[in-house]
Every structure is written in structure tokens, then in C-alpha cells.
Amino acid sequence: MKFIQVMEQTGNIEEARAEIEGYFQAAGDDTKVRQIFLCSDRDDEAKIVSIVHFDSSDSASENDDLDATKEGAAESQATTDITYRNLDVQHEWVR
């Protein structure tokens, strides 16, 4: 079953973009992330939402065990007001 993690925080979108690019460089081919959408709230530009796609919750758990993921999560939790939602994809429609 596909798995999505939604992360919401307050900050600067360009700094968030740089952090994600740095994560991909640090994790390299080991990352289990399939896709990330980095979004800003039209009504509040300081609100940032990242939508991260994984093949499964198991692959997300494997990704959590990577040093690059642990370091990035620790830094985000220490420096931002980040919140996480862990979602199992029950149905999917693609056009």
C-alpha cells in the first residue's frame, strides 16, 4: 500500500527547497522517497507543506533509518514548528 507523509511548518520556501535538495544529496541512492511536492499556502506564504510519497509504510520506515533522514528530522524539529501526518493511501485516481 502506498504511503504519504505530509509535513507542515512555518518558514521560507527557498530555505525549505534548499533543505530538500541537501537531503537528496546526502541520502543519494539510499533514499526511499519516490516524489516530493513542496507547497506554499496561498493565504499565508510562511506556511509550507511538503507531501512525500513512498512505495509503502515499510519503505518509509527504512527511509527513517537513514542517517540523512535522522539528521534532517532532528534539525527540523529543533529549528521549526514542523508537524507530521502519516497517511496510508486507500484509493488512488489518476487521470
Protein backbone atom coordinates (compact mmCIF):
# COMPACT_ATOMS: atom_id res chain seq x y z
CA MET A 1 0.00 0.00 0.00
CA LYS A 2 1.38 3.41 -0.94
CA PHE A 3 2.23 5.75 1.90
CA ILE A 4 2.31 9.55 2.09
CA GLN A 5 3.83 11.75 4.75
CA VAL A 6 2.59 15.33 4.98
CA MET A 7 4.81 17.80 6.80
CA GLU A 8 3.66 21.31 7.67
CA GLN A 9 5.86 24.06 9.03
CA THR A 10 6.36 27.81 9.07
CA GLY A 11 9.36 29.20 7.23
CA ASN A 12 10.88 30.36 3.97
CA ILE A 13 10.07 28.31 0.86
CA GLU A 14 13.52 28.76 -0.66
CA GLU A 15 15.19 27.58 2.53
CA ALA A 16 12.86 24.56 2.54
CA ARG A 17 13.75 23.85 -1.10
CA ALA A 18 17.46 24.03 -0.28
CA GLU A 19 16.98 21.65 2.68
CA ILE A 20 15.22 19.10 0.47
CA GLU A 21 17.91 19.32 -2.20
CA GLY A 22 20.55 18.92 0.51
CA TYR A 23 18.71 15.88 1.83
CA PHE A 24 18.69 14.23 -1.61
CA GLN A 25 22.41 14.90 -1.99
CA ALA A 26 23.17 13.48 1.46
CA ALA A 27 20.92 10.41 1.09
CA GLY A 28 21.90 9.70 -2.52
CA ASP A 29 20.56 6.46 -3.96
CA ASP A 30 19.69 5.15 -0.48
CA THR A 31 16.58 7.30 -0.13
CA LYS A 32 13.22 5.54 -0.46
CA VAL A 33 11.41 8.78 -1.32
CA ARG A 34 9.62 8.49 -4.66
CA GLN A 35 8.31 12.04 -5.01
CA ILE A 36 8.04 15.26 -3.04
CA PHE A 37 5.69 18.17 -3.60
CA LEU A 38 6.90 21.35 -1.86
CA CYS A 39 3.98 23.75 -1.46
CA SER A 40 3.34 27.20 -0.06
CA ASP A 41 -0.04 28.30 1.26
CA ARG A 42 -1.55 30.98 -0.98
CA ASP A 43 -3.22 32.59 2.02
CA ASP A 44 -0.12 32.50 4.25
CA GLU A 45 3.22 32.36 2.39
CA ALA A 46 5.04 31.47 5.61
CA LYS A 47 3.14 28.15 5.78
CA ILE A 48 4.98 25.37 3.95
CA VAL A 49 3.57 21.92 3.23
CA SER A 50 5.70 19.06 1.93
CA ILE A 51 3.93 15.98 0.56
CA VAL A 52 6.28 12.99 0.40
CA HIS A 53 5.39 9.78 -1.47
CA PHE A 54 6.75 6.32 -0.63
CA ASP A 55 6.02 2.89 -2.08
CA SER A 56 4.80 1.67 1.34
CA SER A 57 4.94 2.39 5.03
CA ASP A 58 7.75 -0.18 5.22
CA SER A 59 9.85 1.78 2.73
CA ALA A 60 9.11 4.97 4.70
CA SER A 61 10.35 3.21 7.86
CA GLU A 62 13.51 2.12 6.03
CA ASN A 63 13.98 5.73 4.94
CA ASP A 64 13.58 6.90 8.55
CA ASP A 65 16.60 4.75 9.47
CA LEU A 66 18.94 6.61 7.08
CA ASP A 67 21.44 8.93 8.73
CA ALA A 68 20.47 11.75 6.32
CA THR A 69 16.82 11.40 7.36
CA LYS A 70 17.60 11.29 11.08
CA GLU A 71 19.82 14.37 10.84
CA GLY A 72 17.32 16.33 8.74
CA ALA A 73 14.39 15.46 11.02
CA ALA A 74 16.34 16.39 14.15
CA GLU A 75 17.31 19.75 12.66
CA SER A 76 13.74 20.48 11.52
CA GLN A 77 12.31 19.62 14.92
CA ALA A 78 14.89 21.80 16.65
CA THR A 79 14.51 24.84 14.39
CA THR A 80 10.89 24.84 13.15
CA ASP A 81 7.35 24.13 14.28
CA ILE A 82 7.10 21.10 11.96
CA THR A 83 4.20 18.66 12.28
CA TYR A 84 3.83 15.28 10.56
CA ARG A 85 0.88 13.29 9.25
CA ASN A 86 1.42 9.68 8.20
CA LEU A 87 -1.16 8.52 5.68
CA ASP A 88 -1.90 5.13 4.11
CA VAL A 89 -3.23 5.60 0.57
CA GLN A 90 -6.52 3.70 0.49
CA HIS A 91 -7.56 4.63 -3.06
CA GLU A 92 -5.94 6.50 -5.93
CA TRP A 93 -7.38 8.06 -9.07
CA VAL A 94 -5.04 9.26 -11.81
CA ARG A 95 -6.13 10.99 -15.00
